[in-house]
All heavy atoms as atom14 arrays in JSON, in Angstrom:
{
  "sequence": "IDVMGWYRQAPGKPRELVAVRSRGGTLNYADSVKGRFTISRDNARN",
  "atom14_mask": [
    [1, 1, 1, 1, 1, 1, 1, 1, 0, 0, 0, 0, 0, 0],
    [1, 1, 1, 1, 1, 1, 1, 1, 0, 0, 0, 0, 0, 0],
    [1, 1, 1, 1, 1, 1, 1, 0, 0, 0, 0, 0, 0, 0],
    [1, 1, 1, 1, 1, 1, 1, 1, 0, 0, 0, 0, 0, 0],
    [1, 1, 1, 1, 0, 0, 0, 0, 0, 0, 0, 0, 0, 0],
    [1, 1, 1, 1, 1, 1, 1, 1, 1, 1, 1, 1, 1, 1],
    [1, 1, 1, 1, 1, 1, 1, 1, 1, 1, 1, 1, 0, 0],
    [1, 1, 1, 1, 1, 1, 1, 1, 1, 1, 1, 0, 0, 0],
    [1, 1, 1, 1, 1, 1, 1, 1, 1, 0, 0, 0, 0, 0],
    [1, 1, 1, 1, 1, 0, 0, 0, 0, 0, 0, 0, 0, 0],
    [1, 1, 1, 1, 1, 1, 1, 0, 0, 0, 0, 0, 0, 0],
    [1, 1, 1, 1, 0, 0, 0, 0, 0, 0, 0, 0, 0, 0],
    [1, 1, 1, 1, 1, 1, 1, 1, 1, 0, 0, 0, 0, 0],
    [1, 1, 1, 1, 1, 1, 1, 0, 0, 0, 0, 0, 0, 0],
    [1, 1, 1, 1, 1, 1, 1, 1, 1, 1, 1, 0, 0, 0],
    [1, 1, 1, 1, 1, 1, 1, 1, 1, 0, 0, 0, 0, 0],
    [1, 1, 1, 1, 1, 1, 1, 1, 0, 0, 0, 0, 0, 0],
    [1, 1, 1, 1, 1, 1, 1, 0, 0, 0, 0, 0, 0, 0],
    [1, 1, 1, 1, 1, 0, 0, 0, 0, 0, 0, 0, 0, 0],
    [1, 1, 1, 1, 1, 1, 1, 0, 0, 0, 0, 0, 0, 0],
    [1, 1, 1, 1, 1, 1, 1, 1, 1, 1, 1, 0, 0, 0],
    [1, 1, 1, 1, 1, 1, 0, 0, 0, 0, 0, 0, 0, 0],
    [1, 1, 1, 1, 1, 1, 1, 1, 1, 1, 1, 0, 0, 0],
    [1, 1, 1, 1, 0, 0, 0, 0, 0, 0, 0, 0, 0, 0],
    [1, 1, 1, 1, 0, 0, 0, 0, 0, 0, 0, 0, 0, 0],
    [1, 1, 1, 1, 1, 1, 1, 0, 0, 0, 0, 0, 0, 0],
    [1, 1, 1, 1, 1, 1, 1, 1, 0, 0, 0, 0, 0, 0],
    [1, 1, 1, 1, 1, 1, 1, 1, 0, 0, 0, 0, 0, 0],
    [1, 1, 1, 1, 1, 1, 1, 1, 1, 1, 1, 1, 0, 0],
    [1, 1, 1, 1, 1, 0, 0, 0, 0, 0, 0, 0, 0, 0],
    [1, 1, 1, 1, 1, 1, 1, 1, 0, 0, 0, 0, 0, 0],
    [1, 1, 1, 1, 1, 1, 0, 0, 0, 0, 0, 0, 0, 0],
    [1, 1, 1, 1, 1, 1, 1, 0, 0, 0, 0, 0, 0, 0],
    [1, 1, 1, 1, 1, 1, 1, 1, 1, 0, 0, 0, 0, 0],
    [1, 1, 1, 1, 0, 0, 0, 0, 0, 0, 0, 0, 0, 0],
    [1, 1, 1, 1, 1, 1, 1, 1, 1, 1, 1, 0, 0, 0],
    [1, 1, 1, 1, 1, 1, 1, 1, 1, 1, 1, 0, 0, 0],
    [1, 1, 1, 1, 1, 1, 1, 0, 0, 0, 0, 0, 0, 0],
    [1, 1, 1, 1, 1, 1, 1, 1, 0, 0, 0, 0, 0, 0],
    [1, 1, 1, 1, 1, 1, 0, 0, 0, 0, 0, 0, 0, 0],
    [1, 1, 1, 1, 1, 1, 1, 1, 1, 1, 1, 0, 0, 0],
    [1, 1, 1, 1, 1, 1, 1, 1, 0, 0, 0, 0, 0, 0],
    [1, 1, 1, 1, 1, 1, 1, 1, 0, 0, 0, 0, 0, 0],
    [1, 1, 1, 1, 1, 0, 0, 0, 0, 0, 0, 0, 0, 0],
    [1, 1, 1, 1, 1, 1, 1, 1, 1, 1, 1, 0, 0, 0],
    [1, 1, 1, 1, 1, 1, 1, 1, 0, 0, 0, 0, 0, 0]
  ],
  "atom14_positions": [
    [[0.7, 12.61, -8.84], [0.74, 11.17, -8.58], [-0.61, 10.78, -7.99], [-1.08, 11.4, -7.04], [1.87, 10.8, -7.62], [3.22, 11.0, -8.3], [1.73, 9.37, -7.15], [4.41, 10.73, -7.4], [0.0, 0.0, 0.0], [0.0, 0.0, 0.0], [0.0, 0.0, 0.0], [0.0, 0.0, 0.0], [0.0, 0.0, 0.0], [0.0, 0.0, 0.0]],
    [[-1.24, 9.77, -8.56], [-2.56, 9.36, -8.09], [-2.45, 8.38, -6.93], [-2.96, 8.61, -5.86], [-3.36, 8.73, -9.23], [-4.75, 8.3, -8.79], [-5.25, 8.82, -7.76], [-5.35, 7.45, -9.47], [0.0, 0.0, 0.0], [0.0, 0.0, 0.0], [0.0, 0.0, 0.0], [0.0, 0.0, 0.0], [0.0, 0.0, 0.0], [0.0, 0.0, 0.0]],
    [[-1.77, 7.27, -7.15], [-1.69, 6.22, -6.14], [-0.26, 6.08, -5.65], [0.68, 6.09, -6.46], [-2.18, 4.87, -6.71], [-2.02, 3.76, -5.68], [-3.63, 4.98, -7.18], [0.0, 0.0, 0.0], [0.0, 0.0, 0.0], [0.0, 0.0, 0.0], [0.0, 0.0, 0.0], [0.0, 0.0, 0.0], [0.0, 0.0, 0.0], [0.0, 0.0, 0.0]],
    [[-0.09, 5.93, -4.36], [1.21, 5.58, -3.77], [1.0, 4.46, -2.77], [-0.06, 4.37, -2.15], [1.86, 6.77, -3.06], [2.34, 7.87, -3.97], [3.34, 9.11, -3.1], [4.9, 8.22, -2.93], [0.0, 0.0, 0.0], [0.0, 0.0, 0.0], [0.0, 0.0, 0.0], [0.0, 0.0, 0.0], [0.0, 0.0, 0.0], [0.0, 0.0, 0.0]],
    [[2.02, 3.64, -2.65], [1.87, 2.56, -1.69], [3.04, 1.61, -1.7], [4.15, 1.99, -2.08], [0.0, 0.0, 0.0], [0.0, 0.0, 0.0], [0.0, 0.0, 0.0], [0.0, 0.0, 0.0], [0.0, 0.0, 0.0], [0.0, 0.0, 0.0], [0.0, 0.0, 0.0], [0.0, 0.0, 0.0], [0.0, 0.0, 0.0], [0.0, 0.0, 0.0]],
    [[2.75, 0.37, -1.29], [3.79, -0.62, -1.07], [3.39, -1.99, -1.62], [2.24, -2.42, -1.46], [4.07, -0.76, 0.43], [4.57, 0.51, 1.03], [3.83, 1.51, 1.57], [5.93, 0.91, 1.12], [4.65, 2.53, 2.0], [5.94, 2.19, 1.75], [7.15, 0.34, 0.76], [7.13, 2.88, 1.99], [8.32, 1.04, 1.01], [8.31, 2.29, 1.63]],
    [[4.36, -2.63, -2.25], [4.27, -4.02, -2.64], [5.44, -4.74, -1.96], [6.37, -4.11, -1.45], [4.39, -4.18, -4.15], [3.14, -3.85, -4.92], [2.66, -2.54, -4.99], [2.43, -4.85, -5.59], [1.5, -2.24, -5.71], [1.28, -4.56, -6.32], [0.83, -3.26, -6.36], [-0.32, -2.98, -7.07], [0.0, 0.0, 0.0], [0.0, 0.0, 0.0]],
    [[5.38, -6.07, -1.96], [6.49, -6.85, -1.43], [6.69, -8.12, -2.23], [5.78, -8.6, -2.89], [6.27, -7.2, 0.05], [5.12, -8.17, 0.3], [4.88, -8.33, 1.8], [3.79, -9.26, 2.08], [3.28, -9.47, 3.3], [3.77, -8.83, 4.35], [2.3, -10.33, 3.46], [0.0, 0.0, 0.0], [0.0, 0.0, 0.0], [0.0, 0.0, 0.0]],
    [[7.92, -8.64, -2.15], [8.25, -9.88, -2.86], [9.13, -10.73, -1.98], [10.25, -10.32, -1.62], [8.94, -9.59, -4.2], [9.13, -10.83, -5.05], [9.51, -10.5, -6.47], [9.98, -9.4, -6.78], [9.3, -11.44, -7.38], [0.0, 0.0, 0.0], [0.0, 0.0, 0.0], [0.0, 0.0, 0.0], [0.0, 0.0, 0.0], [0.0, 0.0, 0.0]],
    [[8.63, -11.91, -1.64], [9.4, -12.88, -0.87], [10.14, -13.81, -1.84], [9.72, -13.96, -2.99], [8.49, -13.68, 0.04], [0.0, 0.0, 0.0], [0.0, 0.0, 0.0], [0.0, 0.0, 0.0], [0.0, 0.0, 0.0], [0.0, 0.0, 0.0], [0.0, 0.0, 0.0], [0.0, 0.0, 0.0], [0.0, 0.0, 0.0], [0.0, 0.0, 0.0]],
    [[11.21, -14.45, -1.4], [11.97, -15.35, -2.28], [11.07, -16.43, -2.88], [10.31, -17.09, -2.16], [13.02, -15.95, -1.35], [13.21, -14.92, -0.29], [11.85, -14.32, -0.07], [0.0, 0.0, 0.0], [0.0, 0.0, 0.0], [0.0, 0.0, 0.0], [0.0, 0.0, 0.0], [0.0, 0.0, 0.0], [0.0, 0.0, 0.0], [0.0, 0.0, 0.0]],
    [[11.15, -16.58, -4.2], [10.39, -17.61, -4.87], [8.92, -17.32, -5.05], [8.17, -18.19, -5.52], [0.0, 0.0, 0.0], [0.0, 0.0, 0.0], [0.0, 0.0, 0.0], [0.0, 0.0, 0.0], [0.0, 0.0, 0.0], [0.0, 0.0, 0.0], [0.0, 0.0, 0.0], [0.0, 0.0, 0.0], [0.0, 0.0, 0.0], [0.0, 0.0, 0.0]],
    [[8.5, -16.12, -4.7], [7.08, -15.76, -4.82], [6.93, -14.52, -5.69], [7.87, -13.73, -5.82], [6.48, -15.5, -3.44], [6.43, -16.73, -2.55], [5.68, -16.43, -1.26], [5.55, -17.67, -0.4], [4.78, -17.39, 0.86], [0.0, 0.0, 0.0], [0.0, 0.0, 0.0], [0.0, 0.0, 0.0], [0.0, 0.0, 0.0], [0.0, 0.0, 0.0]],
    [[5.75, -14.33, -6.29], [5.54, -13.12, -7.09], [5.37, -11.89, -6.21], [5.06, -11.99, -5.01], [4.23, -13.44, -7.84], [3.52, -14.42, -6.97], [4.58, -15.25, -6.32], [0.0, 0.0, 0.0], [0.0, 0.0, 0.0], [0.0, 0.0, 0.0], [0.0, 0.0, 0.0], [0.0, 0.0, 0.0], [0.0, 0.0, 0.0], [0.0, 0.0, 0.0]],
    [[5.58, -10.74, -6.82], [5.37, -9.5, -6.09], [3.88, -9.34, -5.8], [3.04, -9.6, -6.65], [5.89, -8.32, -6.93], [5.97, -7.01, -6.18], [6.67, -5.94, -7.01], [8.06, -6.29, -7.29], [8.93, -5.43, -7.85], [8.53, -4.2, -8.17], [10.15, -5.83, -8.1], [0.0, 0.0, 0.0], [0.0, 0.0, 0.0], [0.0, 0.0, 0.0]],
    [[3.57, -8.88, -4.59], [2.17, -8.76, -4.19], [1.92, -7.4, -3.55], [2.81, -6.8, -2.93], [1.78, -9.86, -3.2], [2.53, -9.83, -1.88], [2.03, -10.86, -0.88], [1.13, -11.65, -1.21], [2.56, -10.85, 0.26], [0.0, 0.0, 0.0], [0.0, 0.0, 0.0], [0.0, 0.0, 0.0], [0.0, 0.0, 0.0], [0.0, 0.0, 0.0]],
    [[0.67, -6.95, -3.67], [0.27, -5.7, -3.05], [0.25, -5.86, -1.54], [-0.2, -6.88, -1.01], [-1.12, -5.3, -3.55], [-1.72, -4.01, -3.0], [-2.54, -3.31, -4.09], [-2.58, -4.25, -1.79], [0.0, 0.0, 0.0], [0.0, 0.0, 0.0], [0.0, 0.0, 0.0], [0.0, 0.0, 0.0], [0.0, 0.0, 0.0], [0.0, 0.0, 0.0]],
    [[0.75, -4.82, -0.86], [0.66, -4.76, 0.6], [-0.41, -3.74, 0.99], [-1.38, -4.06, 1.67], [2.0, -4.39, 1.24], [1.86, -4.26, 2.76], [3.08, -5.41, 0.88], [0.0, 0.0, 0.0], [0.0, 0.0, 0.0], [0.0, 0.0, 0.0], [0.0, 0.0, 0.0], [0.0, 0.0, 0.0], [0.0, 0.0, 0.0], [0.0, 0.0, 0.0]],
    [[-0.21, -2.51, 0.56], [-1.17, -1.44, 0.86], [-0.93, -0.28, -0.09], [0.23, 0.05, -0.38], [-1.02, -0.97, 2.31], [0.0, 0.0, 0.0], [0.0, 0.0, 0.0], [0.0, 0.0, 0.0], [0.0, 0.0, 0.0], [0.0, 0.0, 0.0], [0.0, 0.0, 0.0], [0.0, 0.0, 0.0], [0.0, 0.0, 0.0], [0.0, 0.0, 0.0]],
    [[-2.0, 0.32, -0.56], [-1.9, 1.5, -1.4], [-2.95, 2.5, -0.97], [-3.98, 2.15, -0.37], [-2.08, 1.18, -2.91], [-0.91, 0.35, -3.42], [-3.4, 0.52, -3.18], [0.0, 0.0, 0.0], [0.0, 0.0, 0.0], [0.0, 0.0, 0.0], [0.0, 0.0, 0.0], [0.0, 0.0, 0.0], [0.0, 0.0, 0.0], [0.0, 0.0, 0.0]],
    [[-2.67, 3.77, -1.29], [-3.6, 4.85, -0.95], [-3.66, 5.82, -2.1], [-2.61, 6.28, -2.6], [-3.13, 5.56, 0.33], [-4.1, 6.63, 0.82], [-3.63, 7.26, 2.09], [-4.58, 8.26, 2.58], [-5.1, 8.23, 3.77], [-4.8, 7.28, 4.63], [-5.96, 9.16, 4.15], [0.0, 0.0, 0.0], [0.0, 0.0, 0.0], [0.0, 0.0, 0.0]],
    [[-4.86, 6.16, -2.54], [-5.01, 7.11, -3.62], [-4.88, 8.54, -3.1], [-4.94, 8.79, -1.89], [-6.37, 6.94, -4.31], [-7.39, 7.46, -3.47], [0.0, 0.0, 0.0], [0.0, 0.0, 0.0], [0.0, 0.0, 0.0], [0.0, 0.0, 0.0], [0.0, 0.0, 0.0], [0.0, 0.0, 0.0], [0.0, 0.0, 0.0], [0.0, 0.0, 0.0]],
    [[-4.73, 9.46, -4.02], [-4.64, 10.88, -3.63], [-5.9, 11.3, -2.87], [-5.83, 12.11, -1.95], [-4.42, 11.74, -4.88], [-4.45, 13.24, -4.63], [-4.02, 14.01, -5.87], [-2.61, 13.88, -6.12], [-1.68, 14.67, -5.59], [-2.03, 15.65, -4.77], [-0.41, 14.5, -5.89], [0.0, 0.0, 0.0], [0.0, 0.0, 0.0], [0.0, 0.0, 0.0]],
    [[-7.01, 10.74, -3.24], [-8.27, 11.08, -2.58], [-8.52, 10.36, -1.28], [-9.51, 10.62, -0.6], [0.0, 0.0, 0.0], [0.0, 0.0, 0.0], [0.0, 0.0, 0.0], [0.0, 0.0, 0.0], [0.0, 0.0, 0.0], [0.0, 0.0, 0.0], [0.0, 0.0, 0.0], [0.0, 0.0, 0.0], [0.0, 0.0, 0.0], [0.0, 0.0, 0.0]],
    [[-7.65, 9.41, -0.93], [-7.78, 8.74, 0.35], [-8.3, 7.32, 0.31], [-8.42, 6.67, 1.35], [0.0, 0.0, 0.0], [0.0, 0.0, 0.0], [0.0, 0.0, 0.0], [0.0, 0.0, 0.0], [0.0, 0.0, 0.0], [0.0, 0.0, 0.0], [0.0, 0.0, 0.0], [0.0, 0.0, 0.0], [0.0, 0.0, 0.0], [0.0, 0.0, 0.0]],
    [[-8.6, 6.79, -0.88], [-9.06, 5.41, -0.98], [-7.93, 4.46, -0.6], [-6.83, 4.59, -1.1], [-9.56, 5.1, -2.39], [-10.63, 5.99, -2.72], [-10.05, 3.67, -2.49], [0.0, 0.0, 0.0], [0.0, 0.0, 0.0], [0.0, 0.0, 0.0], [0.0, 0.0, 0.0], [0.0, 0.0, 0.0], [0.0, 0.0, 0.0], [0.0, 0.0, 0.0]],
    [[-8.26, 3.49, 0.26], [-7.27, 2.57, 0.77], [-7.51, 1.15, 0.25], [-8.65, 0.76, 0.02], [-7.32, 2.52, 2.3], [-7.03, 3.82, 3.05], [-7.35, 3.65, 4.52], [-5.58, 4.22, 2.86], [0.0, 0.0, 0.0], [0.0, 0.0, 0.0], [0.0, 0.0, 0.0], [0.0, 0.0, 0.0], [0.0, 0.0, 0.0], [0.0, 0.0, 0.0]],
    [[-6.43, 0.42, 0.09], [-6.53, -0.99, -0.27], [-5.41, -1.73, 0.45], [-4.23, -1.4, 0.26], [-6.42, -1.18, -1.78], [-6.74, -2.59, -2.21], [-7.26, -3.39, -1.44], [-6.44, -2.91, -3.45], [0.0, 0.0, 0.0], [0.0, 0.0, 0.0], [0.0, 0.0, 0.0], [0.0, 0.0, 0.0], [0.0, 0.0, 0.0], [0.0, 0.0, 0.0]],
    [[-5.78, -2.7, 1.28], [-4.81, -3.5, 2.01], [-4.92, -4.96, 1.61], [-6.02, -5.46, 1.36], [-5.07, -3.44, 3.52], [-4.73, -2.15, 4.21], [-5.7, -1.18, 4.44], [-3.43, -1.91, 4.67], [-5.39, 0.0, 5.1], [-3.12, -0.74, 5.34], [-4.09, 0.21, 5.56], [-3.77, 1.37, 6.22], [0.0, 0.0, 0.0], [0.0, 0.0, 0.0]],
    [[-3.79, -5.66, 1.61], [-3.84, -7.11, 1.49], [-4.5, -7.68, 2.74], [-4.32, -7.16, 3.85], [-2.42, -7.67, 1.37], [0.0, 0.0, 0.0], [0.0, 0.0, 0.0], [0.0, 0.0, 0.0], [0.0, 0.0, 0.0], [0.0, 0.0, 0.0], [0.0, 0.0, 0.0], [0.0, 0.0, 0.0], [0.0, 0.0, 0.0], [0.0, 0.0, 0.0]],
    [[-5.28, -8.73, 2.56], [-5.97, -9.34, 3.7], [-4.98, -9.77, 4.79], [-5.28, -9.7, 5.98], [-6.78, -10.56, 3.24], [-8.01, -10.18, 2.45], [-8.45, -9.01, 2.55], [-8.55, -11.05, 1.74], [0.0, 0.0, 0.0], [0.0, 0.0, 0.0], [0.0, 0.0, 0.0], [0.0, 0.0, 0.0], [0.0, 0.0, 0.0], [0.0, 0.0, 0.0]],
    [[-3.8, -10.2, 4.37], [-2.82, -10.72, 5.31], [-2.25, -9.67, 6.25], [-1.64, -10.0, 7.27], [-1.68, -11.41, 4.56], [-1.03, -10.48, 3.71], [0.0, 0.0, 0.0], [0.0, 0.0, 0.0], [0.0, 0.0, 0.0], [0.0, 0.0, 0.0], [0.0, 0.0, 0.0], [0.0, 0.0, 0.0], [0.0, 0.0, 0.0], [0.0, 0.0, 0.0]],
    [[-2.42, -8.38, 5.92], [-1.85, -7.32, 6.76], [-2.9, -6.45, 7.42], [-2.55, -5.57, 8.22], [-0.87, -6.44, 5.96], [0.18, -7.3, 5.24], [-1.58, -5.53, 4.97], [0.0, 0.0, 0.0], [0.0, 0.0, 0.0], [0.0, 0.0, 0.0], [0.0, 0.0, 0.0], [0.0, 0.0, 0.0], [0.0, 0.0, 0.0], [0.0, 0.0, 0.0]],
    [[-4.17, -6.66, 7.08], [-5.23, -5.84, 7.67], [-5.21, -5.96, 9.2], [-5.1, -7.04, 9.75], [-6.59, -6.28, 7.13], [-6.86, -5.83, 5.72], [-8.22, -6.3, 5.23], [-8.48, -5.85, 3.81], [-9.78, -6.36, 3.28], [0.0, 0.0, 0.0], [0.0, 0.0, 0.0], [0.0, 0.0, 0.0], [0.0, 0.0, 0.0], [0.0, 0.0, 0.0]],
    [[-5.32, -4.81, 9.85], [-5.29, -4.77, 11.31], [-3.9, -4.71, 11.89], [-3.75, -4.46, 13.1], [0.0, 0.0, 0.0], [0.0, 0.0, 0.0], [0.0, 0.0, 0.0], [0.0, 0.0, 0.0], [0.0, 0.0, 0.0], [0.0, 0.0, 0.0], [0.0, 0.0, 0.0], [0.0, 0.0, 0.0], [0.0, 0.0, 0.0], [0.0, 0.0, 0.0]],
    [[-2.88, -4.93, 11.08], [-1.49, -4.88, 11.56], [-0.69, -3.75, 10.93], [0.17, -3.16, 11.58], [-0.8, -6.21, 11.29], [-1.45, -7.41, 11.94], [-0.61, -8.67, 11.78], [-0.41, -9.05, 10.38], [0.78, -9.18, 9.79], [1.88, -8.96, 10.48], [0.87, -9.55, 8.53], [0.0, 0.0, 0.0], [0.0, 0.0, 0.0], [0.0, 0.0, 0.0]],
    [[-0.95, -3.47, 9.66], [-0.21, -2.44, 8.93], [-1.11, -1.24, 8.69], [-2.32, -1.39, 8.47], [0.25, -2.97, 7.58], [1.32, -4.03, 7.62], [1.69, -4.65, 8.8], [1.96, -4.42, 6.45], [2.68, -5.63, 8.82], [2.94, -5.4, 6.46], [3.29, -6.01, 7.64], [0.0, 0.0, 0.0], [0.0, 0.0, 0.0], [0.0, 0.0, 0.0]],
    [[-0.5, -0.06, 8.7], [-1.23, 1.18, 8.42], [-0.44, 2.02, 7.43], [0.73, 2.3, 7.65], [-1.46, 1.99, 9.7], [-2.18, 1.19, 10.65], [-2.27, 3.25, 9.4], [0.0, 0.0, 0.0], [0.0, 0.0, 0.0], [0.0, 0.0, 0.0], [0.0, 0.0, 0.0], [0.0, 0.0, 0.0], [0.0, 0.0, 0.0], [0.0, 0.0, 0.0]],
    [[-1.1, 2.42, 6.35], [-0.47, 3.28, 5.36], [-0.94, 4.7, 5.56], [-2.11, 4.95, 5.84], [-0.77, 2.79, 3.92], [0.03, 3.57, 2.9], [-2.26, 2.85, 3.61], [-0.03, 3.01, 1.48], [0.0, 0.0, 0.0], [0.0, 0.0, 0.0], [0.0, 0.0, 0.0], [0.0, 0.0, 0.0], [0.0, 0.0, 0.0], [0.0, 0.0, 0.0]],
    [[-0.01, 5.63, 5.44], [-0.36, 7.04, 5.5], [0.38, 7.76, 4.38], [1.41, 7.29, 3.89], [0.0, 7.64, 6.86], [1.37, 7.49, 7.14], [0.0, 0.0, 0.0], [0.0, 0.0, 0.0], [0.0, 0.0, 0.0], [0.0, 0.0, 0.0], [0.0, 0.0, 0.0], [0.0, 0.0, 0.0], [0.0, 0.0, 0.0], [0.0, 0.0, 0.0]],
    [[-0.17, 8.91, 4.01], [0.38, 9.61, 2.84], [0.29, 11.11, 3.06], [-0.7, 11.61, 3.59], [-0.39, 9.19, 1.6], [0.05, 9.87, 0.32], [-0.69, 9.32, -0.87], [-0.41, 10.1, -2.06], [-0.9, 9.84, -3.26], [-1.7, 8.8, -3.44], [-0.62, 10.61, -4.29], [0.0, 0.0, 0.0], [0.0, 0.0, 0.0], [0.0, 0.0, 0.0]],
    [[1.3, 11.8, 2.61], [1.3, 13.27, 2.6], [1.33, 13.7, 1.15], [2.38, 13.63, 0.49], [2.52, 13.8, 3.37], [2.51, 15.31, 3.51], [2.01, 15.99, 2.61], [3.01, 15.81, 4.54], [0.0, 0.0, 0.0], [0.0, 0.0, 0.0], [0.0, 0.0, 0.0], [0.0, 0.0, 0.0], [0.0, 0.0, 0.0], [0.0, 0.0, 0.0]],
    [[0.19, 14.13, 0.63], [0.11, 14.49, -0.79], [0.99, 15.69, -1.13], [1.59, 15.76, -2.21], [-1.34, 14.79, -1.17], [-2.22, 13.57, -1.17], [-1.75, 12.44, -1.36], [-3.51, 13.77, -0.94], [0.0, 0.0, 0.0], [0.0, 0.0, 0.0], [0.0, 0.0, 0.0], [0.0, 0.0, 0.0], [0.0, 0.0, 0.0], [0.0, 0.0, 0.0]],
    [[1.07, 16.63, -0.22], [1.85, 17.84, -0.49], [3.34, 17.53, -0.59], [4.06, 18.13, -1.4], [1.6, 18.87, 0.59], [0.0, 0.0, 0.0], [0.0, 0.0, 0.0], [0.0, 0.0, 0.0], [0.0, 0.0, 0.0], [0.0, 0.0, 0.0], [0.0, 0.0, 0.0], [0.0, 0.0, 0.0], [0.0, 0.0, 0.0], [0.0, 0.0, 0.0]],
    [[3.79, 16.58, 0.22], [5.22, 16.23, 0.23], [5.54, 15.04, -0.67], [6.71, 14.69, -0.83], [5.67, 15.92, 1.65], [5.57, 17.11, 2.6], [5.92, 16.69, 4.02], [5.77, 17.77, 4.97], [6.77, 18.56, 5.33], [7.97, 18.37, 4.84], [6.57, 19.53, 6.19], [0.0, 0.0, 0.0], [0.0, 0.0, 0.0], [0.0, 0.0, 0.0]],
    [[4.51, 14.41, -1.21], [4.69, 13.2, -2.02], [5.48, 12.13, -1.26], [6.47, 11.57, -1.77], [5.39, 13.52, -3.35], [4.45, 14.13, -4.36], [3.32, 13.66, -4.53], [4.89, 15.18, -5.03], [0.0, 0.0, 0.0], [0.0, 0.0, 0.0], [0.0, 0.0, 0.0], [0.0, 0.0, 0.0], [0.0, 0.0, 0.0], [0.0, 0.0, 0.0]]
  ]
}
């Protein structure tokens, strides 16, 4: 698995990215959650 992460969908709105992390450690956060949310990943345990 290359990328794992989280999306969210509020009522009446499209699904949006929250945070994802690649196997190599590249991170991508939605601007709305930066500084508040933290994503972590265990590649061995998936």
